[in-house]
Each structure stands twice: as C-alpha cells, then as structure tokens.
Protein backbone atom coordinates (compact mmCIF):
# COMPACT_ATOMS: atom_id res chain seq x y z
CA MET A 1 -26.95 -53.90 43.10
CA ASN A 2 -27.12 -56.25 46.15
CA ILE A 3 -26.37 -59.27 44.76
CA ALA A 4 -26.92 -62.83 46.92
CA CYS A 5 -25.22 -65.96 45.74
CA VAL A 6 -25.23 -69.81 45.91
CA HIS A 7 -21.75 -71.46 45.58
CA LEU A 8 -20.85 -69.25 42.68
CA GLY A 9 -17.30 -68.38 42.24
CA LEU A 10 -17.84 -65.11 40.64
CA GLY A 11 -18.45 -63.54 43.68
CA ARG A 12 -15.06 -61.75 44.49
CA ALA A 13 -15.54 -60.72 40.92
CA LEU A 14 -18.90 -59.14 41.22
CA SER A 15 -17.59 -57.66 44.34
CA GLU A 16 -14.82 -55.43 42.22
CA LEU A 17 -17.48 -54.79 40.01
CA GLY A 18 -18.62 -52.44 42.51
CA HIS A 19 -21.76 -55.06 44.25
CA THR A 20 -23.26 -55.77 47.73
CA VAL A 21 -22.53 -59.80 47.68
CA LEU A 22 -23.87 -62.16 50.13
CA ASP A 23 -21.91 -65.21 49.17
CA LEU A 24 -23.90 -68.31 50.57
CA ARG A 25 -22.12 -71.55 50.77
CA PRO A 26 -25.48 -73.71 52.03
CA PRO A 27 -24.87 -77.54 52.89
CA ALA A 28 -25.83 -79.92 49.84
CA GLY A 29 -28.95 -81.42 50.00
CA VAL A 30 -32.91 -79.56 49.83
CA VAL A 31 -31.98 -76.16 51.19
CA HIS A 32 -34.63 -73.04 52.00
CA ILE A 33 -32.53 -69.72 50.71
CA ALA A 34 -35.55 -67.06 53.01
CA PRO A 35 -33.60 -68.13 56.21
CA LEU A 36 -30.08 -67.79 54.68
CA LEU A 37 -31.15 -64.33 53.50
CA GLY A 38 -31.78 -62.79 56.82
CA ASP A 39 -31.99 -59.28 56.53
CA PHE A 40 -30.21 -59.46 52.85
CA VAL A 41 -32.79 -57.94 49.80
CA PRO A 42 -31.43 -59.61 47.06
CA ASP A 43 -31.41 -57.24 43.77
CA LEU A 44 -30.09 -60.47 41.61
CA PHE A 45 -29.68 -64.22 43.22
CA ILE A 46 -27.60 -66.79 41.50
CA GLN A 47 -26.71 -70.00 42.11
CA GLN A 48 -24.31 -72.38 40.52
CA GLU A 49 -24.19 -75.85 40.68
CA THR A 50 -22.01 -77.46 42.49
CA LEU A 51 -19.77 -81.13 41.50
CA GLY A 52 -20.44 -83.77 43.26
CA PRO A 53 -23.57 -83.40 45.74
CA ARG A 54 -26.22 -81.19 44.77
CA THR A 55 -27.52 -78.30 47.13
CA LEU A 56 -31.62 -77.85 45.88
CA ILE A 57 -33.12 -74.48 46.79
CA ALA A 58 -36.68 -75.87 47.45
CA ASP A 59 -38.57 -72.08 47.84
CA LEU A 60 -36.71 -70.33 44.83
CA PRO A 61 -40.82 -68.79 44.51
CA SER A 62 -40.20 -66.48 47.67
CA LEU A 63 -37.58 -65.18 46.12
CA GLY A 64 -38.82 -61.26 44.17
CA CYS A 65 -35.82 -60.39 42.14
CA PRO A 66 -34.60 -61.82 39.08
CA LYS A 67 -33.38 -65.63 39.27
CA ILE A 68 -30.19 -66.75 37.67
CA PHE A 69 -28.82 -70.83 37.36
CA TRP A 70 -25.36 -71.18 36.51
CA SER A 71 -25.31 -75.32 35.29
CA ILE A 72 -21.89 -76.58 34.74
CA ASP A 73 -21.99 -80.01 33.99
CA THR A 74 -25.02 -79.75 31.84
CA HIS A 75 -23.85 -83.32 29.86
CA LEU A 76 -23.96 -85.29 32.71
CA ASN A 77 -27.11 -83.53 34.42
CA SER A 78 -29.46 -82.17 31.92
CA PHE A 79 -31.90 -84.92 32.74
CA TRP A 80 -32.70 -82.93 35.44
CA HIS A 81 -32.00 -78.81 35.13
CA GLN A 82 -34.86 -78.79 32.28
CA TYR A 83 -36.64 -79.04 34.70
CA TYR A 84 -34.76 -77.16 38.15
CA ALA A 85 -33.97 -74.83 35.32
CA ARG A 86 -37.81 -73.51 34.75
CA LEU A 87 -37.82 -72.40 39.08
CA PHE A 88 -35.28 -69.18 36.98
CA ASP A 89 -35.32 -66.40 34.50
CA LEU A 90 -32.44 -67.32 33.20
CA PHE A 91 -30.16 -70.78 32.69
CA CYS A 92 -27.22 -70.32 31.87
CA SER A 93 -24.69 -73.54 30.96
CA THR A 94 -20.93 -73.55 29.95
CA GLN A 95 -21.45 -75.73 27.26
CA LYS A 96 -23.14 -73.93 24.15
CA HIS A 97 -23.95 -77.08 22.15
CA TRP A 98 -26.62 -77.81 24.73
CA LEU A 99 -28.76 -74.74 24.52
CA PRO A 100 -30.60 -76.09 21.62
CA TRP A 101 -31.55 -78.50 23.72
CA PHE A 102 -32.69 -77.22 26.52
CA ALA A 103 -34.66 -74.31 24.44
CA ARG A 104 -36.77 -77.93 22.70
CA HIS A 105 -37.36 -78.73 27.00
CA GLY A 106 -39.12 -75.66 27.40
CA VAL A 107 -36.16 -74.16 28.99
CA THR A 108 -37.18 -70.42 26.93
CA SER A 109 -34.57 -68.41 27.68
CA THR A 110 -30.61 -69.06 28.15
CA LEU A 111 -27.32 -68.29 27.66
CA TRP A 112 -23.68 -69.67 26.93
CA LEU A 113 -21.24 -68.97 30.04
CA PRO A 114 -18.23 -70.76 29.74
CA TRP A 115 -15.84 -71.49 32.41
CA HIS A 116 -13.10 -69.17 33.21
CA GLY A 117 -9.20 -69.26 33.50
CA GLU A 118 -7.17 -67.83 37.04
CA VAL A 119 -5.12 -64.47 36.73
CA ARG A 120 -1.65 -66.01 36.97
CA ARG A 121 1.89 -65.61 36.23
CA ARG A 122 3.22 -67.65 33.72
CA ALA A 123 6.10 -69.39 34.54
CA PRO A 124 9.05 -69.42 32.43
CA TRP A 125 9.37 -71.87 29.66
CA LYS A 126 12.95 -72.90 30.03
CA GLY A 127 12.46 -73.88 34.04
CA ARG A 128 9.60 -76.29 32.37
CA ARG A 129 9.85 -80.37 32.58
CA PRO A 130 9.91 -81.97 28.46
CA GLY A 131 6.58 -84.13 28.26
CA MET A 132 3.53 -83.95 29.01
CA ALA A 133 1.37 -83.78 32.02
CA PHE A 134 -2.67 -84.89 32.88
CA VAL A 135 -4.38 -84.44 35.74
CA GLY A 136 -7.77 -86.91 36.56
CA ARG A 137 -9.07 -89.66 37.75
CA LEU A 138 -8.94 -92.92 36.33
CA THR A 139 -11.16 -96.07 36.78
CA ALA A 140 -13.13 -98.83 35.77
CA GLU A 141 -15.79 -96.32 34.89
CA ARG A 142 -13.86 -94.26 32.01
CA PRO A 143 -12.02 -97.01 30.38
CA VAL A 144 -11.31 -94.49 27.18
CA ARG A 145 -9.69 -92.05 29.49
CA THR A 146 -7.43 -95.10 30.51
CA TRP A 147 -7.09 -95.88 27.06
CA PHE A 148 -5.87 -92.49 26.51
CA VAL A 149 -3.44 -92.81 29.45
CA GLU A 150 -1.89 -95.55 28.02
CA LEU A 151 -1.68 -93.76 24.39
CA LEU A 152 0.02 -90.63 26.11
CA GLN A 153 2.58 -93.06 27.82
CA GLU A 154 3.25 -94.46 24.23
CA LEU A 155 3.92 -91.28 22.79
CA GLY A 156 6.48 -89.83 25.51
CA GLU A 157 7.58 -88.62 29.29
CA VAL A 158 3.92 -88.06 30.83
CA ARG A 159 3.40 -87.36 34.51
CA VAL A 160 0.07 -88.31 35.70
CA ARG A 161 -1.35 -87.94 38.85
CA GLN A 162 -4.71 -88.35 40.28
CA ASP A 163 -6.65 -86.22 43.49
CA LEU A 164 -4.20 -82.92 43.12
CA GLY A 165 -5.83 -80.06 45.20
CA PHE A 166 -6.79 -77.13 43.32
CA ALA A 167 -3.11 -75.41 44.19
CA ALA A 168 -1.32 -77.99 43.22
CA MET A 169 -2.72 -78.70 40.30
CA LEU A 170 -1.57 -75.76 38.77
CA ASP A 171 1.41 -75.35 40.16
CA MET A 172 2.31 -79.06 38.60
CA TYR A 173 0.77 -77.04 35.59
CA ASP A 174 3.59 -74.30 35.46
CA GLU A 175 6.24 -77.46 35.46
CA THR A 176 4.81 -78.56 32.48
CA ARG A 177 4.90 -78.41 28.27
CA LEU A 178 2.46 -80.24 27.18
CA VAL A 179 -1.34 -80.65 28.95
CA PRO A 180 -3.13 -83.39 26.73
CA ASN A 181 -6.78 -82.77 27.14
CA GLU A 182 -9.81 -85.40 27.40
CA SER A 183 -13.49 -84.88 27.99
CA ILE A 184 -16.55 -86.94 28.64
CA PHE A 185 -19.26 -86.26 26.25
CA GLY A 186 -17.37 -83.97 23.88
CA GLU A 187 -18.08 -81.18 26.67
CA VAL A 188 -15.11 -77.51 26.93
CA ASN A 189 -13.99 -79.02 30.35
CA PHE A 190 -11.99 -77.02 33.63
CA ARG A 191 -9.02 -78.55 32.27
CA LEU A 192 -8.61 -76.73 29.02
CA PHE A 193 -8.84 -73.28 31.33
CA GLU A 194 -6.42 -74.26 33.76
CA ALA A 195 -3.73 -75.47 31.96
CA ALA A 196 -4.24 -72.06 29.28
CA SER A 197 -4.07 -70.23 32.57
CA CYS A 198 -0.27 -71.37 32.93
CA GLY A 199 0.86 -70.72 29.92
CA CYS A 200 0.57 -74.37 28.48
CA ALA A 201 0.52 -76.01 24.85
CA VAL A 202 -3.19 -77.35 25.28
CA LEU A 203 -3.51 -80.87 23.00
CA ASN A 204 -7.71 -80.91 23.47
CA PRO A 205 -10.42 -82.49 21.78
CA ALA A 206 -11.77 -80.78 18.58
CA ILE A 207 -15.17 -80.30 20.71
CA PRO A 208 -17.93 -77.87 19.90
CA GLY A 209 -17.24 -74.26 20.45
CA LEU A 210 -13.48 -74.94 20.86
CA GLU A 211 -12.79 -72.11 18.14
CA ASP A 212 -15.54 -69.56 20.37
CA LEU A 213 -12.76 -69.54 22.77
CA PHE A 214 -9.58 -70.14 21.73
CA GLU A 215 -7.40 -70.79 17.63
CA PRO A 216 -7.50 -74.01 17.12
CA GLY A 217 -3.79 -74.52 15.69
CA GLU A 218 -3.00 -71.62 16.74
CA GLU A 219 -3.61 -71.23 21.03
CA VAL A 220 -4.51 -74.30 21.22
CA ALA A 221 -3.92 -78.24 19.33
CA ALA A 222 -7.58 -79.14 18.20
CA TYR A 223 -7.64 -83.33 17.92
CA ARG A 224 -10.17 -85.54 16.72
CA ASP A 225 -8.67 -88.93 17.50
CA GLY A 226 -5.84 -90.41 19.39
CA ALA A 227 -3.89 -90.82 15.66
CA GLU A 228 -4.32 -86.67 15.41
CA LEU A 229 -3.54 -86.72 19.10
CA ALA A 230 -0.49 -88.70 18.40
CA ASP A 231 0.73 -86.79 15.85
CA TRP A 232 0.45 -83.23 17.42
CA ALA A 233 2.01 -84.63 20.45
CA GLY A 234 5.01 -85.57 18.68
CA ARG A 235 5.21 -82.36 16.62
CA LEU A 236 4.74 -80.23 19.80
CA GLN A 237 7.67 -82.45 21.86
CA GLY A 238 9.98 -81.88 18.61
CA ASP A 239 9.22 -78.23 18.22
CA ASP A 240 9.90 -76.27 20.97
CA LEU A 241 9.42 -72.90 19.71
CA LEU A 242 6.01 -74.07 18.86
CA ALA A 243 4.64 -75.36 21.64
CA ARG A 244 6.15 -72.22 24.05
CA SER A 245 4.21 -69.69 21.07
CA MET A 246 1.42 -72.34 21.09
CA GLY A 247 0.57 -71.65 25.46
CA LEU A 248 2.05 -68.18 25.22
CA ARG A 249 -0.81 -67.14 22.72
CA ALA A 250 -3.13 -69.48 24.85
CA TRP A 251 -2.08 -68.00 27.86
CA GLU A 252 -2.68 -64.18 26.94
CA ARG A 253 -6.20 -65.26 25.13
CA VAL A 254 -7.56 -65.98 28.90
CA GLN A 255 -5.79 -63.24 30.81
CA HIS A 256 -8.04 -60.68 27.94
CA GLU A 257 -11.29 -62.88 27.28
CA HIS A 258 -11.79 -65.34 29.84
CA LEU A 259 -10.78 -64.35 33.60
CA PRO A 260 -13.56 -64.50 36.78
CA GLU A 261 -13.94 -60.83 35.86
CA HIS A 262 -15.40 -61.48 32.27
CA ARG A 263 -17.64 -64.03 33.28
CA ALA A 264 -18.64 -61.63 35.65
CA ALA A 265 -19.57 -58.94 33.39
CA SER A 266 -21.43 -61.40 31.33
CA LEU A 267 -23.45 -62.36 33.84
CA LEU A 268 -24.32 -58.84 34.93
CA ASP A 269 -25.34 -57.57 31.12
CA ALA A 270 -27.56 -60.58 30.91
CA ALA A 271 -29.46 -59.43 34.36
CA VAL A 272 -30.07 -56.25 33.03
CA GLY A 273 -33.65 -56.00 31.38
CA LEU A 274 -33.84 -60.24 32.37
CA ALA A 275 -37.42 -61.13 31.56
CA ARG A 276 -39.53 -62.65 34.43
CA CYS A 277 -40.03 -66.14 32.88
CA ALA A 278 -39.71 -68.73 36.04
CA VAL A 279 -42.39 -70.27 36.67
CA THR A 280 -44.61 -69.47 39.69
CA GLY A 281 -48.01 -71.16 41.35
CA PRO A 282 -49.01 -74.87 40.34
CA SER A 283 -45.91 -75.14 37.70
CA ALA A 284 -43.39 -74.49 39.99
CA ASP A 285 -44.75 -77.18 42.36
CA VAL A 286 -44.34 -79.27 39.06
CA ALA A 287 -40.59 -78.13 38.14
CA TRP A 288 -40.11 -79.10 41.68
CA TRP A 289 -40.90 -82.31 42.41
CA LEU A 290 -39.95 -83.20 38.73
CA THR A 291 -36.26 -82.12 39.48
CA VAL A 292 -36.82 -84.46 42.46
CA SER A 293 -38.16 -87.46 41.57
CA GLN A 294 -35.04 -87.77 38.94
CA LEU A 295 -33.09 -87.61 41.19
CA ARG A 296 -34.69 -89.45 43.50
CA GLU A 297 -34.61 -92.04 40.31
CA ALA A 298 -31.28 -91.53 39.65
CA GLY A 299 -30.17 -92.28 43.17
CA ARG A 300 -29.06 -88.87 44.02
CA LEU A 301 -31.65 -88.05 46.41
CA ALA A 302 -33.13 -90.09 49.42
CA MET A 303 -36.81 -89.93 49.49
CA GLY A 304 -39.49 -92.82 49.92
CA ALA A 305 -41.98 -93.81 47.34
CA GLY A 306 -44.56 -93.89 49.92
CA VAL A 307 -43.47 -89.48 50.27
CA MET A 308 -42.79 -89.39 46.44
CA ALA A 309 -45.84 -90.41 45.40
CA ALA A 310 -48.30 -88.41 47.73
CA ARG A 311 -46.16 -85.40 46.31
CA LEU A 312 -46.63 -86.24 42.66
CA GLY A 313 -50.99 -87.15 43.39
CA ALA A 314 -51.28 -83.41 44.55
CA LEU A 315 -49.72 -82.17 42.15
CA PRO A 316 -51.70 -81.32 38.84
CA VAL A 317 -52.10 -83.32 36.48
CA THR A 318 -49.96 -82.95 33.43
CA ASP A 319 -48.16 -85.04 30.81
CA GLU A 320 -45.18 -84.92 32.81
CA VAL A 321 -46.59 -85.37 36.55
CA LEU A 322 -48.49 -88.49 35.21
CA ALA A 323 -45.26 -89.70 33.14
CA ALA A 324 -43.46 -89.59 36.48
CA MET A 325 -46.33 -91.54 38.65
CA LEU A 326 -46.07 -94.23 36.38
CA ARG A 327 -42.80 -94.79 36.16
CA LEU A 328 -43.30 -94.69 40.33
CA SER A 329 -46.07 -97.16 40.43
CA ALA A 330 -43.78 -99.99 38.31
CA GLU A 331 -41.32 -99.75 41.02
CA ALA A 332 -44.05 -100.74 43.01
CA GLY A 333 -44.77 -103.89 41.57
CA ARG A 334 -47.25 -104.55 38.70
CA ASP A 335 -50.45 -104.17 41.36
CA GLU A 336 -50.32 -101.00 42.12
CA PHE A 337 -48.84 -100.29 38.61
CA MET A 338 -51.56 -102.07 36.83
CA ARG A 339 -54.15 -99.44 39.14
CA VAL A 340 -52.52 -96.29 37.74
CA ALA A 341 -52.02 -97.43 34.34
CA LEU A 342 -55.19 -98.78 33.51
CA PRO A 343 -57.21 -96.05 34.24
CA VAL A 344 -54.92 -93.77 31.82
CA ALA A 345 -55.02 -96.77 28.64
CA GLU A 346 -58.67 -97.56 28.64
CA THR A 347 -59.27 -93.17 29.02
CA GLY A 348 -56.89 -92.04 26.48
CA GLN A 349 -55.48 -89.90 29.08
CA TYR A 350 -52.67 -87.59 27.22
CA ALA A 351 -52.32 -89.92 24.72
CA ALA A 352 -50.54 -88.36 22.26
CA PHE A 353 -47.45 -87.52 25.20
CA PRO A 354 -44.42 -89.48 24.37
CA ASP A 355 -43.47 -89.74 27.66
CA VAL A 356 -46.93 -90.92 28.73
CA ASN A 357 -46.73 -94.00 26.95
CA LEU A 358 -43.13 -94.48 27.60
CA ALA A 359 -43.86 -95.22 30.70
CA GLY A 360 -46.93 -96.77 30.50
CA SER A 361 -45.41 -99.47 27.62
CA MET A 362 -42.19 -99.79 29.52
CA GLY A 363 -43.45 -100.07 32.72
CA ALA A 364 -46.31 -102.48 31.29
CA LEU A 365 -43.09 -104.46 29.67
CA LYS A 366 -41.45 -104.84 33.63
CA ALA A 367 -45.11 -106.06 35.05
CA GLY A 368 -44.62 -109.18 32.62
CA ASP A 369 -47.68 -107.57 30.25
CA PRO A 370 -46.45 -107.03 26.58
CA VAL A 371 -50.46 -106.47 25.05
CA LEU A 372 -50.44 -103.47 27.62
CA ALA A 373 -46.68 -102.47 26.62
CA ARG A 374 -47.70 -102.53 22.75
CA LEU A 375 -51.25 -100.76 23.70
CA PHE A 376 -49.36 -97.71 24.81
CA PHE A 377 -46.28 -97.83 21.84
CA LEU A 378 -49.65 -97.89 19.52
CA ARG A 379 -51.23 -94.89 21.23
CA HIS A 380 -47.86 -93.45 20.36
CA ILE A 381 -47.57 -93.99 16.58
CA ARG A 382 -51.45 -93.31 15.82
CA HIS A 383 -51.03 -89.15 16.84
CA ALA A 384 -46.71 -89.52 15.89
CA ALA A 385 -45.88 -91.73 13.12
CA PRO A 386 -48.84 -93.29 11.60
CA ALA A 387 -46.55 -94.69 9.20
CA ALA A 388 -44.48 -96.44 11.72
CA PRO A 389 -45.43 -100.34 11.43
CA ASP A 390 -47.20 -102.21 14.33
CA PRO A 391 -44.16 -103.10 16.70
CA GLY A 392 -45.58 -106.94 18.02
CA HIS A 393 -45.98 -108.30 21.18
CA THR A 394 -42.64 -109.54 21.34
CA PRO A 395 -40.50 -107.69 24.55
CA LEU A 396 -38.25 -107.07 22.67
CA SER A 397 -40.22 -105.91 19.32
CA ILE A 398 -41.77 -103.50 21.50
CA CYS A 399 -37.98 -101.68 23.04
CA LEU A 400 -36.13 -101.76 19.07
CA ALA A 401 -39.36 -99.89 18.18
CA TRP A 402 -39.34 -98.14 20.77
CA ALA A 403 -35.74 -96.80 20.82
CA ARG A 404 -36.14 -96.69 16.83
CA GLU A 405 -38.64 -93.56 17.41
CA LEU A 406 -37.28 -92.54 20.64
CA GLN A 407 -34.33 -91.66 18.00
CA ARG A 408 -36.20 -89.70 15.41
CA ILE A 409 -37.62 -87.58 17.77
CA GLY A 410 -34.69 -86.41 19.64
CA ARG A 411 -34.39 -88.38 22.49
CA SER A 412 -31.18 -91.05 22.00
CA PHE A 413 -29.62 -90.64 24.95
CA ARG A 414 -30.20 -89.87 28.87
CA PRO A 415 -26.06 -88.70 30.43
CA GLY A 416 -25.22 -88.94 33.40
CA PHE A 417 -28.31 -91.18 34.07
CA VAL A 418 -26.29 -94.65 34.94
CA PHE A 419 -29.54 -97.10 33.34
CA ASP A 420 -30.14 -99.81 35.09
CA PRO A 421 -32.83 -102.21 33.75
CA GLY A 422 -33.47 -104.09 36.49
CA ALA A 423 -34.56 -101.23 38.54
CA HIS A 424 -35.41 -98.59 36.47
CA LEU A 425 -37.87 -97.32 32.82
CA PRO A 426 -35.96 -96.41 29.82
CA GLN A 427 -36.25 -92.76 29.06
CA SER A 428 -34.17 -92.80 25.80
CA ALA A 429 -33.16 -95.00 22.97
CA LEU A 430 -30.03 -96.20 24.21
CA GLU A 431 -31.56 -97.34 27.40
CA CYS A 432 -34.49 -99.17 25.37
CA LEU A 433 -31.98 -100.83 23.88
CA VAL A 434 -29.88 -101.90 26.57
CA LEU A 435 -33.33 -103.35 27.88
CA ALA A 436 -33.90 -105.16 24.86
CA SER A 437 -31.01 -106.83 25.44
CA SER A 438 -31.70 -107.83 28.54
CA PHE A 439 -34.27 -110.25 26.94
CA ALA A 440 -31.49 -111.34 23.94
CA ALA A 441 -28.52 -111.01 25.24
CA ASP A 442 -27.29 -112.10 21.64
CA ASP A 443 -29.67 -110.39 19.37
CA LEU A 444 -28.03 -108.63 16.17
CA HIS A 445 -29.91 -106.52 15.86
CA VAL A 446 -30.04 -105.05 19.04
CA TYR A 447 -25.77 -104.21 18.49
CA GLY A 448 -26.56 -103.00 15.19
CA ASP A 449 -28.59 -100.23 16.14
CA ILE A 450 -26.52 -99.93 19.47
CA ALA A 451 -23.92 -98.95 16.96
CA ARG A 452 -26.09 -96.82 15.04
CA ILE A 453 -27.37 -94.65 17.63
CA LEU A 454 -23.77 -93.84 19.02
CA ALA A 455 -21.96 -93.49 15.47
CA CYS A 456 -21.84 -89.65 15.70
CA GLU A 457 -22.12 -89.06 19.78
CA SER A 458 -19.03 -88.30 22.08
CA GLY A 459 -18.79 -90.16 24.76
CA TRP A 460 -20.16 -93.91 24.15
CA ASP A 461 -17.32 -94.98 22.32
CA GLY A 462 -16.15 -97.67 24.89
CA LEU A 463 -19.84 -98.91 24.65
CA ARG A 464 -19.72 -98.47 20.64
CA ILE A 465 -16.55 -100.77 20.31
CA LYS A 466 -18.41 -103.71 22.17
CA ALA A 467 -21.34 -103.03 20.27
CA LEU A 468 -19.58 -103.24 17.09
CA SER A 469 -16.52 -105.86 18.22
CA TYR A 470 -19.71 -108.33 18.67
CA LEU A 471 -21.11 -107.48 15.08
CA SER A 472 -18.09 -108.05 13.33
CA LEU A 473 -17.51 -111.15 15.48
CA HIS A 474 -20.15 -112.34 13.74
CA ASP A 475 -19.32 -111.61 9.96
CA ARG A 476 -16.32 -111.11 9.23
CA ARG A 477 -16.63 -110.56 5.47
CA ASP A 478 -18.17 -107.84 6.56
CA TRP A 479 -15.42 -104.75 5.77
CA ARG A 480 -17.96 -102.25 6.74
CA LEU A 481 -18.16 -103.47 9.58
CA GLY A 482 -14.36 -104.05 10.47
CA LEU A 483 -13.44 -100.23 8.75
CA GLU A 484 -16.55 -99.10 11.66
CA LEU A 485 -14.85 -100.39 14.60
CA GLY A 486 -10.61 -99.18 13.55
CA LEU A 487 -12.82 -95.67 13.79
CA ALA A 488 -13.93 -96.40 17.06
CA ASP A 489 -11.02 -97.30 17.82
CA CYS A 490 -8.51 -94.73 17.25
CA ARG A 491 -11.35 -91.89 18.34
CA ALA A 492 -11.47 -93.91 21.92
CA PHE A 493 -7.17 -93.53 21.44
CA ARG A 494 -7.14 -97.78 20.88
CA VAL A 495 -4.73 -96.35 17.74
CA ARG A 496 -2.81 -99.18 17.61
CA GLN A 497 -6.36 -102.32 17.50
CA GLY A 498 -7.53 -99.80 15.03
CA LEU A 499 -5.20 -99.66 12.66
CA GLU A 500 -5.16 -103.81 13.28
CA GLU A 501 -8.78 -103.55 12.30
CA MET A 502 -8.34 -101.84 9.52
CA LEU A 503 -5.93 -103.31 7.56
CA VAL A 504 -7.80 -106.47 8.16
CA ALA A 505 -10.75 -105.27 7.20
CA HIS A 506 -8.96 -103.14 3.51
CA GLY A 507 -7.45 -106.75 3.07
CA GLU A 508 -11.67 -108.62 3.43
CA ALA A 509 -12.67 -105.41 0.28
CA MET A 510 -9.98 -105.87 -1.67
CA ARG A 511 -10.76 -109.35 -1.84
CA GLN A 512 -14.08 -108.85 -2.50
CA GLY A 513 -13.06 -105.73 -4.59
CA GLN A 514 -14.67 -103.15 -3.56
CA GLY A 515 -10.92 -101.07 -2.59
CA GLU A 516 -11.36 -98.10 -3.77
CA ARG A 517 -14.86 -97.93 -2.22
CA PHE A 518 -13.26 -98.64 1.13
CA GLY A 519 -10.98 -96.24 0.24
CA ARG A 520 -12.95 -93.58 -0.44
CA ILE A 521 -15.21 -94.12 3.23
CA LEU A 522 -11.94 -93.80 5.10
CA ALA A 523 -11.10 -90.65 3.64
CA ALA A 524 -14.87 -89.43 4.17
CA ARG A 525 -13.78 -90.57 7.96
CA ASP A 526 -10.47 -89.28 8.44
CA ALA A 527 -10.61 -85.70 7.93
CA SER A 528 -6.73 -84.87 9.76
CA GLY A 529 -5.26 -88.38 7.03
CA ARG A 530 -3.15 -88.94 10.26
CA ILE A 531 -5.65 -92.44 9.94
CA ARG A 532 -4.54 -92.58 6.37
CA ALA A 533 -0.47 -91.88 6.74
CA LEU A 534 -1.06 -94.17 9.86
CA LEU A 535 -1.73 -97.22 7.54
CA ALA A 536 0.36 -96.68 4.51
CA GLY A 537 3.43 -96.06 6.48
CA ASP A 538 5.51 -98.97 7.96
CA PHE A 539 2.82 -99.51 10.93
CA SER A 540 3.31 -102.97 13.10
CA ALA A 541 1.81 -104.37 15.98
CA THR A 542 5.40 -104.36 17.58
CA ASN A 543 5.75 -100.50 16.26
CA PRO A 544 3.86 -97.75 18.35
CA PRO A 545 1.50 -95.73 16.33
CA SER A 546 3.70 -91.92 16.66
C-alpha cells in the first residue's frame, strides 16, 4: 500500500513490511494535508498525536482513503479527542480502559494500540549500578511525583534525572538495575516500555491493561500504594537474582511482543476491511469546530472570540454546538450571554440535553442570575432525573446539585483540562465543586463531595488529600476520615504521614469501641497487607517505612 503518515513513529516498521510510506512532519498548529501529499495518492492515512504543541489537520474529509488516528496521551486529551476522533475511520488509544469512554461519546470504531519498546541489546547485569534510577520532570504542579521521589530516596540509592534526551535516557537505563515508574492518571506510559527494553526490573503501578502487556510479579513488580512500592524496592534490592530475572523476562517480552514491528502489524490488520465511518459534510464541520473550540477554551489554540463565534454560528445547531455557543457567549459578558441563553430557555431548545443545560446554568451563575441557573438545572432533571430534588436558588446549592448529577451520568472529570473558575464554565462534576468552593471556601459539603468523587480515581491524590485533611481537621473524632486520609497518603507515596494518620484514627476507633470495624475496613482496602504489616511493626516517626 501507499501509506501517508503524520508524525508516526512506526513509518520505518511499515516500510520494512513492504509498504511505500510518505513520512510527513508538519509543524504544530492547523495544517492542510492536500498540499503536503503532492502527487502521492495514499491507500491509508495514519496520524499519531504529538506531545506538546499539537498538529491538527483541517481537511481530513478531502482524503478518499481510510483514516486512522493514534491517541498517545488519551488520559490528558480526551476532552478534545472525542470530537477530533469523529474525523477518522478508526481511533486508536494507548490506554485500554479509555476505549469504553469514547464508545459512550459516539466514537464507534476503536482499537487498543499500546505504546512500544525498542530493539536494544540487553546490557550485562554485572556492569549495572546498584540501586534505582528515575527519569522525569519534577514540578510544583505534580506534587505526587515529588512525594514519589522522596520515598525512593528513603528506600535506597536513587539517581534522578530531568530532561534527558531519548538516547541518553536509554543509556542510563542500560546502567540501571531497578526503575520505579509513576503515572499521572493510571495510564500505561512510555517509561514502562523504555525501561523494559533495557532489561531493567521495573516497579510499575498496578494500572488497567498492565496484565495484558507484562506478567505482574514475574516480568514487572506491580504496586498499588507507597507501602507496596517500598516492599518491592526492598525485596529487589536485597535479592539480585530476582531483580535480574525480572528484568530479563521483561526484556524478552518486549522483543517478542512489544516492538514497533508488532504495532505496525496491528495497525495493518485493523486497516483491512476497515469500515468507513468518518463523518463527512456538515457533521465533519461540527466535529472540526468543536475540536477547535475545546482547544481554544483550554488555552492551547489561539483564536479570537469573534472568529470563534462566527464559525460556530455557521454550523448546524446541534446540542453540542449550542452548548459551545453558550460557553462562548458567557465569556463575552452578561449581555451577550443573555442574548443567547434567554431564547434557549424560553423555547425549551434542546431541553433534554445535559450539555446545553449545564452550559446555560453555569453561564447564568457567571452572569449573576441564579434564578436562570436553577431553571436550566430543572430542565435537565425533568428529563433525566425526575426524582432529583430542587437545588434551590443559591450558587452553592446549584453547583453541588450539578456535581452530584454529573457524577451520576458519568461526567466526573475532565483530566488534562486546567480548569480556572474565573475563566471557564464547568463541564464536569469536579469542576462544579471547584466553582462551588469559590462561592463558599469553608463549606464542608464541598470538600466532602470532592473527597467522595475522587475516592476511586487515579491521578487526583494530591487534591483528595487536601479535601480529607480539611474535613479531618474539623472533626478529629471521625476515625473514618483519618483512616481515609491515611490510605490516601499511602497511595500518594506519603507513607510515613499515612501511617501516622492511621495510628491516630485507630486510637480514636478503639476509644469508641470500634477497633474491629477499623480493622475490617483497613483489611478490605489494603490488598497487599503491607500497610497493616507496617502498622503492626516497630514504626516510629523517626524511622523510614522500609
């Protein structure tokens, strides 16, 4: 086949499989594919997401061949990928557990295509330095990663490097025995494959899809919290044969299943008989401008509000387009928002669609009209949840009501979107709660709902710890809060602090005659038993939790 690729790292592998590949590397921003193709007529088109500044192709419908998009950072860009994906016949993601989310959002053709390792000679184990190594940026925006590194430094020798080039990083891994890994939102990341390609023993979060790629406990050491990470680090540093065999098995798995040639073959298999489901005509225009609108709201694409309004106004009015217009009009100020929102409310336009009602309600709060905000919420529950209570007229109660309703319908988070309550309208339950806190900074219900929503989600540990700390500070007798805070600390690698919180909570539970209940809850939440082992041992605030 003739295959046109945009920023695809598998071009060489496709060529080695016998195909003619046009490897295009256009700049970041909005580009047109037709001029880049020239006389090349593709039988297949593949675009890989780029990290950092994105490349967006404006004329995808002009391609007559099947089109594939490979999402690399799905966990950080789903909020705009859900629209851009409609312009392709197949949406691939490196994250297996995200595919059902896209299916629920109208992306009909999906494929799990994990990242890959590298063809690399396995460096001799005896020549490697003892201890651990971690390559990754440490920033104030990622406190959990800082806590992760601090825990590693308590557990043994660890070399930490930032901003290494790709080749230098792999060379460093060749000299390393143990590579602890940390992920942002429970994703399968590059570091797992990179370290395994070099034959390191990898300590990896127990994330969705890991067991399909490597055998936990045999090829990688999987941990669920800082206590289990500490246990694995101690075992592997103390048992060189175990670490060496784990690294060898991971390296062999990469060579047999996780090389670029394997991913290229998977793409080609998926392309055979691929159904042509990319949207065309007016639907393609809608998908494109909703993509642009989302990126503009996120501050990742520069476009004037007037230009954006004109583009949205020229589209067929769908519920998604109307919601985008409401958000944009709220940005322009009260008068413009009321000009757009009042006819929607008066005519009942798209009254059964949550995106429209949420945008109308949140825009009304921004415009200082809680009565209109309540009206849009009542429109929603009339169609979606008739038994839901009236939220009342205060901005706080309306935000809390929306947060609970959005969680109910599966819109808890928008990971990757940096929400600013002063600039953006909420589009998720968590964002509604952040806005609620701006109306009532000390309200315990806000913090309680934040802690509850974040309870089972990866990537929000820092925020959940803040919420639980605030709640626990106001009710020290509630040992359940102390236990939850301690478990959250352990999950975020603050093992020492977590054990301290749990010891205090256990003492309070004993005073209330609920020691056995404390133990049952802890046992259910501590699958590995490592937290209980530390609590039962000789832990003190002056000894590391290793």
